PDB file of all heavy atoms in Angstrom:
ATOM      1  N   CYS A   1      13.454  22.117  -4.958  1.00  0.00           N
ATOM      2  CA  CYS A   1      14.568  21.951  -5.895  1.00  0.00           C
ATOM      3  C   CYS A   1      14.313  22.676  -7.214  1.00  0.00           C
ATOM      4  O   CYS A   1      15.110  22.579  -8.143  1.00  0.00           O
ATOM      5  CB  CYS A   1      14.809  20.471  -6.168  1.00  0.00           C
ATOM      6  SG  CYS A   1      15.468  19.612  -4.734  1.00  0.00           S
ATOM      7  N   GLY A   2      13.182  23.363  -7.313  1.00  0.00           N
ATOM      8  CA  GLY A   2      12.931  24.195  -8.473  1.00  0.00           C
ATOM      9  C   GLY A   2      12.080  23.575  -9.566  1.00  0.00           C
ATOM     10  O   GLY A   2      11.982  24.127 -10.657  1.00  0.00           O
ATOM     11  N   TYR A   3      11.460  22.430  -9.291  1.00  0.00           N
ATOM     12  CA  TYR A   3      10.600  21.808 -10.296  1.00  0.00           C
ATOM     13  C   TYR A   3       9.160  22.291 -10.129  1.00  0.00           C
ATOM     14  O   TYR A   3       8.734  22.622  -9.031  1.00  0.00           O
ATOM     15  CB  TYR A   3      10.629  20.280 -10.161  1.00  0.00           C
ATOM     16  CG  TYR A   3      11.983  19.687 -10.438  1.00  0.00           C
ATOM     17  CD1 TYR A   3      12.843  19.356  -9.398  1.00  0.00           C
ATOM     18  CD2 TYR A   3      12.421  19.478 -11.738  1.00  0.00           C
ATOM     19  CE1 TYR A   3      14.098  18.811  -9.642  1.00  0.00           C
ATOM     20  CE2 TYR A   3      13.678  18.934 -11.997  1.00  0.00           C
ATOM     21  CZ  TYR A   3      14.505  18.612 -10.945  1.00  0.00           C
ATOM     22  OH  TYR A   3      15.741  18.084 -11.195  1.00  0.00           O
ATOM     23  N   ARG A   4       8.420  22.297 -11.235  1.00  0.00           N
ATOM     24  CA  ARG A   4       6.967  22.483 -11.154  1.00  0.00           C
ATOM     25  C   ARG A   4       6.402  21.108 -10.839  1.00  0.00           C
ATOM     26  O   ARG A   4       6.799  20.126 -11.452  1.00  0.00           O
ATOM     27  CB  ARG A   4       6.395  22.932 -12.498  1.00  0.00           C
ATOM     28  CG  ARG A   4       6.658  24.375 -12.830  1.00  0.00           C
ATOM     29  CD  ARG A   4       5.792  24.772 -14.041  1.00  0.00           C
ATOM     30  NE  ARG A   4       6.387  25.907 -14.711  1.00  0.00           N
ATOM     31  CZ  ARG A   4       7.172  25.829 -15.777  1.00  0.00           C
ATOM     32  NH1 ARG A   4       7.456  24.666 -16.327  1.00  0.00           N
ATOM     33  NH2 ARG A   4       7.670  26.905 -16.316  1.00  0.00           N
ATOM     34  N   VAL A   5       5.451  21.046  -9.920  1.00  0.00           N
ATOM     35  CA  VAL A   5       4.939  19.745  -9.497  1.00  0.00           C
ATOM     36  C   VAL A   5       3.413  19.713  -9.525  1.00  0.00           C
ATOM     37  O   VAL A   5       2.764  20.625  -9.029  1.00  0.00           O
ATOM     38  CB  VAL A   5       5.431  19.387  -8.066  1.00  0.00           C
ATOM     39  CG1 VAL A   5       4.905  18.029  -7.625  1.00  0.00           C
ATOM     40  CG2 VAL A   5       6.956  19.414  -7.997  1.00  0.00           C
ATOM     41  N   HIS A   6       2.873  18.659 -10.128  1.00  0.00           N
ATOM     42  CA  HIS A   6       1.451  18.351 -10.031  1.00  0.00           C
ATOM     43  C   HIS A   6       1.355  17.081  -9.198  1.00  0.00           C
ATOM     44  O   HIS A   6       2.280  16.265  -9.204  1.00  0.00           O
ATOM     45  CB  HIS A   6       0.837  18.089 -11.414  1.00  0.00           C
ATOM     46  CG  HIS A   6       0.856  19.297 -12.301  1.00  0.00           C
ATOM     47  ND1 HIS A   6      -0.033  20.335 -12.157  1.00  0.00           N
ATOM     48  CD2 HIS A   6       1.663  19.635 -13.329  1.00  0.00           C
ATOM     49  CE1 HIS A   6       0.224  21.255 -13.080  1.00  0.00           C
ATOM     50  NE2 HIS A   6       1.262  20.860 -13.789  1.00  0.00           N
ATOM     51  N   GLU A   7       0.225  16.902  -8.517  1.00  0.00           N
ATOM     52  CA  GLU A   7       0.057  15.717  -7.681  1.00  0.00           C
ATOM     53  C   GLU A   7      -1.225  14.991  -8.056  1.00  0.00           C
ATOM     54  O   GLU A   7      -2.227  15.624  -8.381  1.00  0.00           O
ATOM     55  CB  GLU A   7      -0.019  16.122  -6.203  1.00  0.00           C
ATOM     56  CG  GLU A   7       1.238  16.799  -5.697  1.00  0.00           C
ATOM     57  CD  GLU A   7       1.077  17.305  -4.273  1.00  0.00           C
ATOM     58  OE1 GLU A   7       0.517  16.570  -3.428  1.00  0.00           O
ATOM     59  OE2 GLU A   7       1.491  18.442  -3.999  1.00  0.00           O
ATOM     60  N   ALA A   8      -1.167  13.664  -8.001  1.00  0.00           N
ATOM     61  CA  ALA A   8      -2.342  12.833  -8.245  1.00  0.00           C
ATOM     62  C   ALA A   8      -2.336  11.682  -7.245  1.00  0.00           C
ATOM     63  O   ALA A   8      -1.276  11.199  -6.861  1.00  0.00           O
ATOM     64  CB  ALA A   8      -2.330  12.292  -9.672  1.00  0.00           C
ATOM     65  N   VAL A   9      -3.540  11.238  -6.862  1.00  0.00           N
ATOM     66  CA  VAL A   9      -3.639  10.139  -5.886  1.00  0.00           C
ATOM     67  C   VAL A   9      -3.862   8.794  -6.567  1.00  0.00           C
ATOM     68  O   VAL A   9      -3.802   7.766  -5.924  1.00  0.00           O
ATOM     69  CB  VAL A   9      -4.764  10.374  -4.854  1.00  0.00           C
ATOM     70  CG1 VAL A   9      -4.495  11.621  -4.041  1.00  0.00           C
ATOM     71  CG2 VAL A   9      -6.124  10.444  -5.518  1.00  0.00           C
ATOM     72  N   SER A  10      -4.118   8.803  -7.875  1.00  0.00           N
ATOM     73  CA  SER A  10      -4.390   7.550  -8.578  1.00  0.00           C
ATOM     74  C   SER A  10      -3.986   7.688 -10.039  1.00  0.00           C
ATOM     75  O   SER A  10      -3.787   8.800 -10.540  1.00  0.00           O
ATOM     76  CB  SER A  10      -5.876   7.223  -8.503  1.00  0.00           C
ATOM     77  OG  SER A  10      -6.613   8.205  -9.232  1.00  0.00           O
ATOM     78  N   ALA A  11      -3.912   6.556 -10.733  1.00  0.00           N
ATOM     79  CA  ALA A  11      -3.603   6.577 -12.161  1.00  0.00           C
ATOM     80  C   ALA A  11      -4.683   7.330 -12.928  1.00  0.00           C
ATOM     81  O   ALA A  11      -4.399   8.092 -13.847  1.00  0.00           O
ATOM     82  CB  ALA A  11      -3.454   5.149 -12.681  1.00  0.00           C
ATOM     83  N   ALA A  12      -5.942   7.141 -12.532  1.00  0.00           N
ATOM     84  CA  ALA A  12      -7.051   7.812 -13.220  1.00  0.00           C
ATOM     85  C   ALA A  12      -6.906   9.332 -13.107  1.00  0.00           C
ATOM     86  O   ALA A  12      -7.064  10.065 -14.095  1.00  0.00           O
ATOM     87  CB  ALA A  12      -8.388   7.354 -12.647  1.00  0.00           C
ATOM     88  N   GLU A  13      -6.584   9.815 -11.916  1.00  0.00           N
ATOM     89  CA  GLU A  13      -6.398  11.260 -11.728  1.00  0.00           C
ATOM     90  C   GLU A  13      -5.169  11.738 -12.509  1.00  0.00           C
ATOM     91  O   GLU A  13      -5.181  12.813 -13.111  1.00  0.00           O
ATOM     92  CB  GLU A  13      -6.243  11.581 -10.237  1.00  0.00           C
ATOM     93  CG  GLU A  13      -6.193  13.078  -9.972  1.00  0.00           C
ATOM     94  CD  GLU A  13      -6.043  13.447  -8.508  1.00  0.00           C
ATOM     95  OE1 GLU A  13      -6.004  12.547  -7.641  1.00  0.00           O
ATOM     96  OE2 GLU A  13      -5.951  14.653  -8.228  1.00  0.00           O
ATOM     97  N   ALA A  14      -4.115  10.933 -12.533  1.00  0.00           N
ATOM     98  CA  ALA A  14      -2.901  11.284 -13.279  1.00  0.00           C
ATOM     99  C   ALA A  14      -3.221  11.453 -14.765  1.00  0.00           C
ATOM    100  O   ALA A  14      -2.765  12.415 -15.405  1.00  0.00           O
ATOM    101  CB  ALA A  14      -1.833  10.216 -13.087  1.00  0.00           C
ATOM    102  N   ILE A  15      -4.025  10.547 -15.323  1.00  0.00           N
ATOM    103  CA  ILE A  15      -4.372  10.623 -16.745  1.00  0.00           C
ATOM    104  C   ILE A  15      -5.185  11.876 -17.035  1.00  0.00           C
ATOM    105  O   ILE A  15      -4.964  12.545 -18.054  1.00  0.00           O
ATOM    106  CB  ILE A  15      -5.092   9.326 -17.189  1.00  0.00           C
ATOM    107  CG1 ILE A  15      -4.066   8.190 -17.239  1.00  0.00           C
ATOM    108  CG2 ILE A  15      -5.767   9.509 -18.547  1.00  0.00           C
ATOM    109  CD1 ILE A  15      -4.662   6.809 -17.439  1.00  0.00           C
ATOM    110  N   LEU A  16      -6.087  12.238 -16.124  1.00  0.00           N
ATOM    111  CA  LEU A  16      -6.852  13.485 -16.311  1.00  0.00           C
ATOM    112  C   LEU A  16      -5.904  14.686 -16.387  1.00  0.00           C
ATOM    113  O   LEU A  16      -6.062  15.566 -17.231  1.00  0.00           O
ATOM    114  CB  LEU A  16      -7.855  13.689 -15.168  1.00  0.00           C
ATOM    115  CG  LEU A  16      -9.075  12.776 -15.182  1.00  0.00           C
ATOM    116  CD1 LEU A  16      -9.913  12.985 -13.915  1.00  0.00           C
ATOM    117  CD2 LEU A  16      -9.916  13.016 -16.431  1.00  0.00           C
ATOM    118  N   ILE A  17      -4.900  14.709 -15.508  1.00  0.00           N
ATOM    119  CA  ILE A  17      -3.926  15.810 -15.510  1.00  0.00           C
ATOM    120  C   ILE A  17      -3.111  15.777 -16.805  1.00  0.00           C
ATOM    121  O   ILE A  17      -2.902  16.806 -17.453  1.00  0.00           O
ATOM    122  CB  ILE A  17      -3.006  15.721 -14.268  1.00  0.00           C
ATOM    123  CG1 ILE A  17      -3.826  16.009 -13.003  1.00  0.00           C
ATOM    124  CG2 ILE A  17      -1.822  16.690 -14.392  1.00  0.00           C
ATOM    125  CD1 ILE A  17      -3.107  15.697 -11.695  1.00  0.00           C
ATOM    126  N   LEU A  18      -2.654  14.586 -17.209  1.00  0.00           N
ATOM    127  CA  LEU A  18      -1.841  14.462 -18.421  1.00  0.00           C
ATOM    128  C   LEU A  18      -2.618  14.852 -19.681  1.00  0.00           C
ATOM    129  O   LEU A  18      -2.034  15.307 -20.660  1.00  0.00           O
ATOM    130  CB  LEU A  18      -1.320  13.020 -18.555  1.00  0.00           C
ATOM    131  CG  LEU A  18      -0.239  12.628 -17.542  1.00  0.00           C
ATOM    132  CD1 LEU A  18      -0.088  11.119 -17.468  1.00  0.00           C
ATOM    133  CD2 LEU A  18       1.086  13.290 -17.878  1.00  0.00           C
ATOM    134  N   GLN A  19      -3.933  14.682 -19.668  1.00  0.00           N
ATOM    135  CA  GLN A  19      -4.755  15.020 -20.829  1.00  0.00           C
ATOM    136  C   GLN A  19      -5.167  16.486 -20.864  1.00  0.00           C
ATOM    137  O   GLN A  19      -5.648  16.961 -21.886  1.00  0.00           O
ATOM    138  CB  GLN A  19      -6.021  14.141 -20.857  1.00  0.00           C
ATOM    139  CG  GLN A  19      -5.714  12.703 -21.206  1.00  0.00           C
ATOM    140  CD  GLN A  19      -6.957  11.817 -21.139  1.00  0.00           C
ATOM    141  OE1 GLN A  19      -7.806  11.971 -20.267  1.00  0.00           O
ATOM    142  NE2 GLN A  19      -7.057  10.878 -22.060  1.00  0.00           N
ATOM    143  N   ALA A  20      -4.971  17.206 -19.752  1.00  0.00           N
ATOM    144  CA  ALA A  20      -5.382  18.612 -19.707  1.00  0.00           C
ATOM    145  C   ALA A  20      -4.521  19.419 -20.683  1.00  0.00           C
ATOM    146  O   ALA A  20      -3.294  19.347 -20.630  1.00  0.00           O
ATOM    147  CB  ALA A  20      -5.226  19.157 -18.287  1.00  0.00           C
ATOM    148  N   PRO A  21      -5.157  20.165 -21.597  1.00  0.00           N
ATOM    149  CA  PRO A  21      -4.389  20.875 -22.621  1.00  0.00           C
ATOM    150  C   PRO A  21      -3.440  21.932 -22.056  1.00  0.00           C
ATOM    151  O   PRO A  21      -2.414  22.225 -22.648  1.00  0.00           O
ATOM    152  CB  PRO A  21      -5.468  21.515 -23.505  1.00  0.00           C
ATOM    153  CG  PRO A  21      -6.727  21.443 -22.718  1.00  0.00           C
ATOM    154  CD  PRO A  21      -6.596  20.343 -21.718  1.00  0.00           C
ATOM    155  N   GLU A  22      -3.766  22.470 -20.879  1.00  0.00           N
ATOM    156  CA  GLU A  22      -2.918  23.532 -20.318  1.00  0.00           C
ATOM    157  C   GLU A  22      -1.746  22.984 -19.505  1.00  0.00           C
ATOM    158  O   GLU A  22      -0.918  23.741 -19.010  1.00  0.00           O
ATOM    159  CB  GLU A  22      -3.763  24.489 -19.454  1.00  0.00           C
ATOM    160  CG  GLU A  22      -4.247  23.916 -18.131  1.00  0.00           C
ATOM    161  CD  GLU A  22      -5.498  23.024 -18.230  1.00  0.00           C
ATOM    162  OE1 GLU A  22      -5.978  22.758 -19.358  1.00  0.00           O
ATOM    163  OE2 GLU A  22      -5.979  22.591 -17.168  1.00  0.00           O
ATOM    164  N   VAL A  23      -1.660  21.668 -19.365  1.00  0.00           N
ATOM    165  CA  VAL A  23      -0.606  21.054 -18.552  1.00  0.00           C
ATOM    166  C   VAL A  23       0.373  20.323 -19.456  1.00  0.00           C
ATOM    167  O   VAL A  23      -0.027  19.557 -20.324  1.00  0.00           O
ATOM    168  CB  VAL A  23      -1.206  20.069 -17.524  1.00  0.00           C
ATOM    169  CG1 VAL A  23      -0.097  19.380 -16.738  1.00  0.00           C
ATOM    170  CG2 VAL A  23      -2.161  20.780 -16.579  1.00  0.00           C
ATOM    171  N   SER A  24       1.659  20.568 -19.233  1.00  0.00           N
ATOM    172  CA  SER A  24       2.694  19.831 -19.957  1.00  0.00           C
ATOM    173  C   SER A  24       3.586  19.170 -18.911  1.00  0.00           C
ATOM    174  O   SER A  24       4.211  19.852 -18.104  1.00  0.00           O
ATOM    175  CB  SER A  24       3.498  20.806 -20.817  1.00  0.00           C
ATOM    176  OG  SER A  24       4.595  20.134 -21.360  1.00  0.00           O
ATOM    177  N   VAL A  25       3.620  17.844 -18.899  1.00  0.00           N
ATOM    178  CA  VAL A  25       4.386  17.103 -17.895  1.00  0.00           C
ATOM    179  C   VAL A  25       5.606  16.474 -18.563  1.00  0.00           C
ATOM    180  O   VAL A  25       5.492  15.835 -19.596  1.00  0.00           O
ATOM    181  CB  VAL A  25       3.498  16.006 -17.238  1.00  0.00           C
ATOM    182  CG1 VAL A  25       4.329  15.102 -16.339  1.00  0.00           C
ATOM    183  CG2 VAL A  25       2.362  16.646 -16.445  1.00  0.00           C
ATOM    184  N   ASP A  26       6.783  16.685 -17.968  1.00  0.00           N
ATOM    185  CA  ASP A  26       8.030  16.105 -18.490  1.00  0.00           C
ATOM    186  C   ASP A  26       8.274  14.707 -17.940  1.00  0.00           C
ATOM    187  O   ASP A  26       8.748  13.822 -18.644  1.00  0.00           O
ATOM    188  CB  ASP A  26       9.221  16.999 -18.127  1.00  0.00           C
ATOM    189  CG  ASP A  26       9.073  18.389 -18.721  1.00  0.00           C
ATOM    190  OD1 ASP A  26       8.981  18.482 -19.956  1.00  0.00           O
ATOM    191  OD2 ASP A  26       9.018  19.367 -17.950  1.00  0.00           O
ATOM    192  N   ILE A  27       7.975  14.538 -16.641  1.00  0.00           N
ATOM    193  CA  ILE A  27       8.279  13.274 -15.963  1.00  0.00           C
ATOM    194  C   ILE A  27       7.107  12.874 -15.075  1.00  0.00           C
ATOM    195  O   ILE A  27       6.581  13.694 -14.327  1.00  0.00           O
ATOM    196  CB  ILE A  27       9.551  13.406 -15.095  1.00  0.00           C
ATOM    197  CG1 ILE A  27      10.765  13.722 -15.981  1.00  0.00           C
ATOM    198  CG2 ILE A  27       9.801  12.131 -14.280  1.00  0.00           C
ATOM    199  CD1 ILE A  27      12.006  14.102 -15.218  1.00  0.00           C
ATOM    200  N   VAL A  28       6.729  11.604 -15.173  1.00  0.00           N
ATOM    201  CA  VAL A  28       5.743  11.034 -14.256  1.00  0.00           C
ATOM    202  C   VAL A  28       6.523  10.210 -13.235  1.00  0.00           C
ATOM    203  O   VAL A  28       7.267   9.302 -13.598  1.00  0.00           O
ATOM    204  CB  VAL A  28       4.719  10.149 -15.003  1.00  0.00           C
ATOM    205  CG1 VAL A  28       3.809   9.429 -14.002  1.00  0.00           C
ATOM    206  CG2 VAL A  28       3.895  10.975 -15.980  1.00  0.00           C
ATOM    207  N   PHE A  29       6.359  10.561 -11.949  1.00  0.00           N
ATOM    208  CA  PHE A  29       6.994   9.826 -10.852  1.00  0.00           C
ATOM    209  C   PHE A  29       5.859   9.123 -10.120  1.00  0.00           C
ATOM    210  O   PHE A  29       5.066   9.766  -9.436  1.00  0.00           O
ATOM    211  CB  PHE A  29       7.735  10.793  -9.925  1.00  0.00           C
ATOM    212  CG  PHE A  29       8.434  10.104  -8.780  1.00  0.00           C
ATOM    213  CD1 PHE A  29       9.665   9.513  -8.973  1.00  0.00           C
ATOM    214  CD2 PHE A  29       7.842  10.037  -7.532  1.00  0.00           C
ATOM    215  CE1 PHE A  29      10.300   8.848  -7.918  1.00  0.00           C
ATOM    216  CE2 PHE A  29       8.471   9.386  -6.479  1.00  0.00           C
ATOM    217  CZ  PHE A  29       9.707   8.794  -6.672  1.00  0.00           C
ATOM    218  N   SER A  30       5.737   7.810 -10.312  1.00  0.00           N
ATOM    219  CA  SER A  30       4.555   7.112  -9.820  1.00  0.00           C
ATOM    220  C   SER A  30       4.869   5.896  -8.973  1.00  0.00           C
ATOM    221  O   SER A  30       5.778   5.124  -9.273  1.00  0.00           O
ATOM    222  CB  SER A  30       3.701   6.666 -11.017  1.00  0.00           C
ATOM    223  OG  SER A  30       2.581   5.922 -10.577  1.00  0.00           O
ATOM    224  N   ASP A  31       4.047   5.721  -7.947  1.00  0.00           N
ATOM    225  CA  ASP A  31       4.071   4.483  -7.177  1.00  0.00           C
ATOM    226  C   ASP A  31       3.480   3.387  -8.058  1.00  0.00           C
ATOM    227  O   ASP A  31       2.687   3.664  -8.956  1.00  0.00           O
ATOM    228  CB  ASP A  31       3.233   4.661  -5.908  1.00  0.00           C
ATOM    229  CG  ASP A  31       3.398   3.505  -4.930  1.00  0.00           C
ATOM    230  OD1 ASP A  31       4.349   2.719  -5.081  1.00  0.00           O
ATOM    231  OD2 ASP A  31       2.573   3.401  -4.007  1.00  0.00           O
ATOM    232  N   VAL A  32       3.876   2.155  -7.821  1.00  0.00           N
ATOM    233  CA  VAL A  32       3.319   1.030  -8.571  1.00  0.00           C
ATOM    234  C   VAL A  32       1.983   0.609  -7.959  1.00  0.00           C
ATOM    235  O   VAL A  32       0.983   0.463  -8.647  1.00  0.00           O
ATOM    236  CB  VAL A  32       4.302  -0.163  -8.600  1.00  0.00           C
ATOM    237  CG1 VAL A  32       3.612  -1.403  -9.146  1.00  0.00           C
ATOM    238  CG2 VAL A  32       5.509   0.188  -9.453  1.00  0.00           C
ATOM    239  N   GLU A  33       1.962   0.416  -6.642  1.00  0.00           N
ATOM    240  CA  GLU A  33       0.751  -0.057  -5.977  1.00  0.00           C
ATOM    241  C   GLU A  33      -0.164   1.113  -5.656  1.00  0.00           C
ATOM    242  O   GLU A  33       0.173   1.952  -4.824  1.00  0.00           O
ATOM    243  CB  GLU A  33       1.086  -0.792  -4.664  1.00  0.00           C
ATOM    244  CG  GLU A  33       1.824  -2.084  -4.859  1.00  0.00           C
ATOM    245  CD  GLU A  33       3.333  -1.891  -4.950  1.00  0.00           C
ATOM    246  OE1 GLU A  33       3.830  -0.870  -4.469  1.00  0.00           O
ATOM    247  OE2 GLU A  33       4.004  -2.763  -5.523  1.00  0.00           O
ATOM    248  N   MET A  34      -1.307   1.147  -6.339  1.00  0.00           N
ATOM    249  CA  MET A  34      -2.283   2.208  -6.090  1.00  0.00           C
ATOM    250  C   MET A  34      -3.687   1.629  -6.154  1.00  0.00           C
ATOM    251  O   MET A  34      -3.921   0.648  -6.854  1.00  0.00           O
ATOM    252  CB  MET A  34      -2.164   3.311  -7.142  1.00  0.00           C
ATOM    253  CG  MET A  34      -0.923   4.145  -7.016  1.00  0.00           C
ATOM    254  SD  MET A  34      -0.923   5.479  -8.206  1.00  0.00           S
ATOM    255  CE  MET A  34      -0.693   4.591  -9.735  1.00  0.00           C
ATOM    256  N   PRO A  35      -4.622   2.257  -5.429  1.00  0.00           N
ATOM    257  CA  PRO A  35      -6.000   1.791  -5.516  1.00  0.00           C
ATOM    258  C   PRO A  35      -6.594   2.134  -6.874  1.00  0.00           C
ATOM    259  O   PRO A  35      -6.067   2.986  -7.584  1.00  0.00           O
ATOM    260  CB  PRO A  35      -6.705   2.582  -4.408  1.00  0.00           C
ATOM    261  CG  PRO A  35      -5.878   3.818  -4.243  1.00  0.00           C
ATOM    262  CD  PRO A  35      -4.467   3.406  -4.556  1.00  0.00           C
ATOM    263  N   GLY A  36      -7.681   1.476  -7.224  1.00  0.00           N
ATOM    264  CA  GLY A  36      -8.326   1.773  -8.501  1.00  0.00           C
ATOM    265  C   GLY A  36      -8.049   0.692  -9.521  1.00  0.00           C
ATOM    266  O   GLY A  36      -7.365  -0.294  -9.239  1.00  0.00           O
ATOM    267  N   GLU A  37      -8.572   0.889 -10.713  1.00  0.00           N
ATOM    268  CA  GLU A  37      -8.466  -0.134 -11.746  1.00  0.00           C
ATOM    269  C   GLU A  37      -7.079  -0.218 -12.363  1.00  0.00           C
ATOM    270  O   GLU A  37      -6.708  -1.221 -12.941  1.00  0.00           O
ATOM    271  CB  GLU A  37      -9.493   0.140 -12.862  1.00  0.00           C
ATOM    272  CG  GLU A  37     -10.912  -0.082 -12.392  1.00  0.00           C
ATOM    273  CD  GLU A  37     -11.930   0.161 -13.485  1.00  0.00           C
ATOM    274  OE1 GLU A  37     -11.563   0.142 -14.676  1.00  0.00           O
ATOM    275  OE2 GLU A  37     -13.095   0.385 -13.133  1.00  0.00           O
ATOM    276  N   MET A  38      -6.311   0.864 -12.297  1.00  0.00           N
ATOM    277  CA  MET A  38      -5.004   0.895 -12.945  1.00  0.00           C
ATOM    278  C   MET A  38      -3.902   1.133 -11.918  1.00  0.00           C
ATOM    279  O   MET A  38      -4.008   2.024 -11.093  1.00  0.00           O
ATOM    280  CB  MET A  38      -4.992   2.021 -13.994  1.00  0.00           C
ATOM    281  CG  MET A  38      -3.750   2.041 -14.855  1.00  0.00           C
ATOM    282  SD  MET A  38      -3.727   3.452 -16.001  1.00  0.00           S
ATOM    283  CE  MET A  38      -4.955   2.981 -17.193  1.00  0.00           C
ATOM    284  N   ASP A  39      -2.838   0.318 -11.987  1.00  0.00           N
ATOM    285  CA  ASP A  39      -1.696   0.538 -11.101  1.00  0.00           C
ATOM    286  C   ASP A  39      -0.630   1.354 -11.834  1.00  0.00           C
ATOM    287  O   ASP A  39      -0.857   1.839 -12.942  1.00  0.00           O
ATOM    288  CB  ASP A  39      -1.134  -0.796 -10.593  1.00  0.00           C
ATOM    289  CG  ASP A  39      -0.593  -1.682 -11.718  1.00  0.00           C
ATOM    290  OD1 ASP A  39      -0.516  -1.235 -12.887  1.00  0.00           O
ATOM    291  OD2 ASP A  39      -0.223  -2.837 -11.417  1.00  0.00           O
ATOM    292  N   GLY A  40       0.531   1.486 -11.232  1.00  0.00           N
ATOM    293  CA  GLY A  40       1.603   2.276 -11.843  1.00  0.00           C
ATOM    294  C   GLY A  40       2.091   1.715 -13.170  1.00  0.00           C
ATOM    295  O   GLY A  40       2.463   2.457 -14.071  1.00  0.00           O
ATOM    296  N   PHE A  41       2.062   0.385 -13.313  1.00  0.00           N
ATOM    297  CA  PHE A  41       2.480  -0.215 -14.583  1.00  0.00           C
ATOM    298  C   PHE A  41       1.489   0.142 -15.688  1.00  0.00           C
ATOM    299  O   PHE A  41       1.871   0.467 -16.805  1.00  0.00           O
ATOM    300  CB  PHE A  41       2.589  -1.740 -14.472  1.00  0.00           C
ATOM    301  CG  PHE A  41       3.661  -2.190 -13.530  1.00  0.00           C
ATOM    302  CD1 PHE A  41       3.390  -3.125 -12.550  1.00  0.00           C
ATOM    303  CD2 PHE A  41       4.950  -1.672 -13.620  1.00  0.00           C
ATOM    304  CE1 PHE A  41       4.382  -3.540 -11.669  1.00  0.00           C
ATOM    305  CE2 PHE A  41       5.947  -2.084 -12.748  1.00  0.00           C
ATOM    306  CZ  PHE A  41       5.656  -3.016 -11.770  1.00  0.00           C
ATOM    307  N   GLY A  42       0.200   0.079 -15.347  1.00  0.00           N
ATOM    308  CA  GLY A  42      -0.829   0.447 -16.322  1.00  0.00           C
ATOM    309  C   GLY A  42      -0.686   1.905 -16.726  1.00  0.00           C
ATOM    310  O   GLY A  42      -0.797   2.252 -17.910  1.00  0.00           O
ATOM    311  N   LEU A  43      -0.398   2.754 -15.736  1.00  0.00           N
ATOM    312  CA  LEU A  43      -0.189   4.176 -16.024  1.00  0.00           C
ATOM    313  C   LEU A  43       1.023   4.357 -16.936  1.00  0.00           C
ATOM    314  O   LEU A  43       0.982   5.119 -17.908  1.00  0.00           O
ATOM    315  CB  LEU A  43      -0.002   4.961 -14.722  1.00  0.00           C
ATOM    316  CG  LEU A  43       0.315   6.447 -14.874  1.00  0.00           C
ATOM    317  CD1 LEU A  43      -0.791   7.195 -15.622  1.00  0.00           C
ATOM    318  CD2 LEU A  43       0.559   7.085 -13.513  1.00  0.00           C
ATOM    319  N   ALA A  44       2.103   3.634 -16.646  1.00  0.00           N
ATOM    320  CA  ALA A  44       3.313   3.741 -17.473  1.00  0.00           C
ATOM    321  C   ALA A  44       3.017   3.317 -18.915  1.00  0.00           C
ATOM    322  O   ALA A  44       3.467   3.955 -19.866  1.00  0.00           O
ATOM    323  CB  ALA A  44       4.433   2.877 -16.887  1.00  0.00           C
TER     324      ALA A  44
END
């Protein structure tokens, strides 16, 4: 559909991507239930 897409398997990986200076993310599309210490609500 013409969007640039990054992928993450967990909230921790998502935060690493969001903190990368070369990456600019407009929208986070996240599942709520995820493994790890942080779920989708914590990520939000």
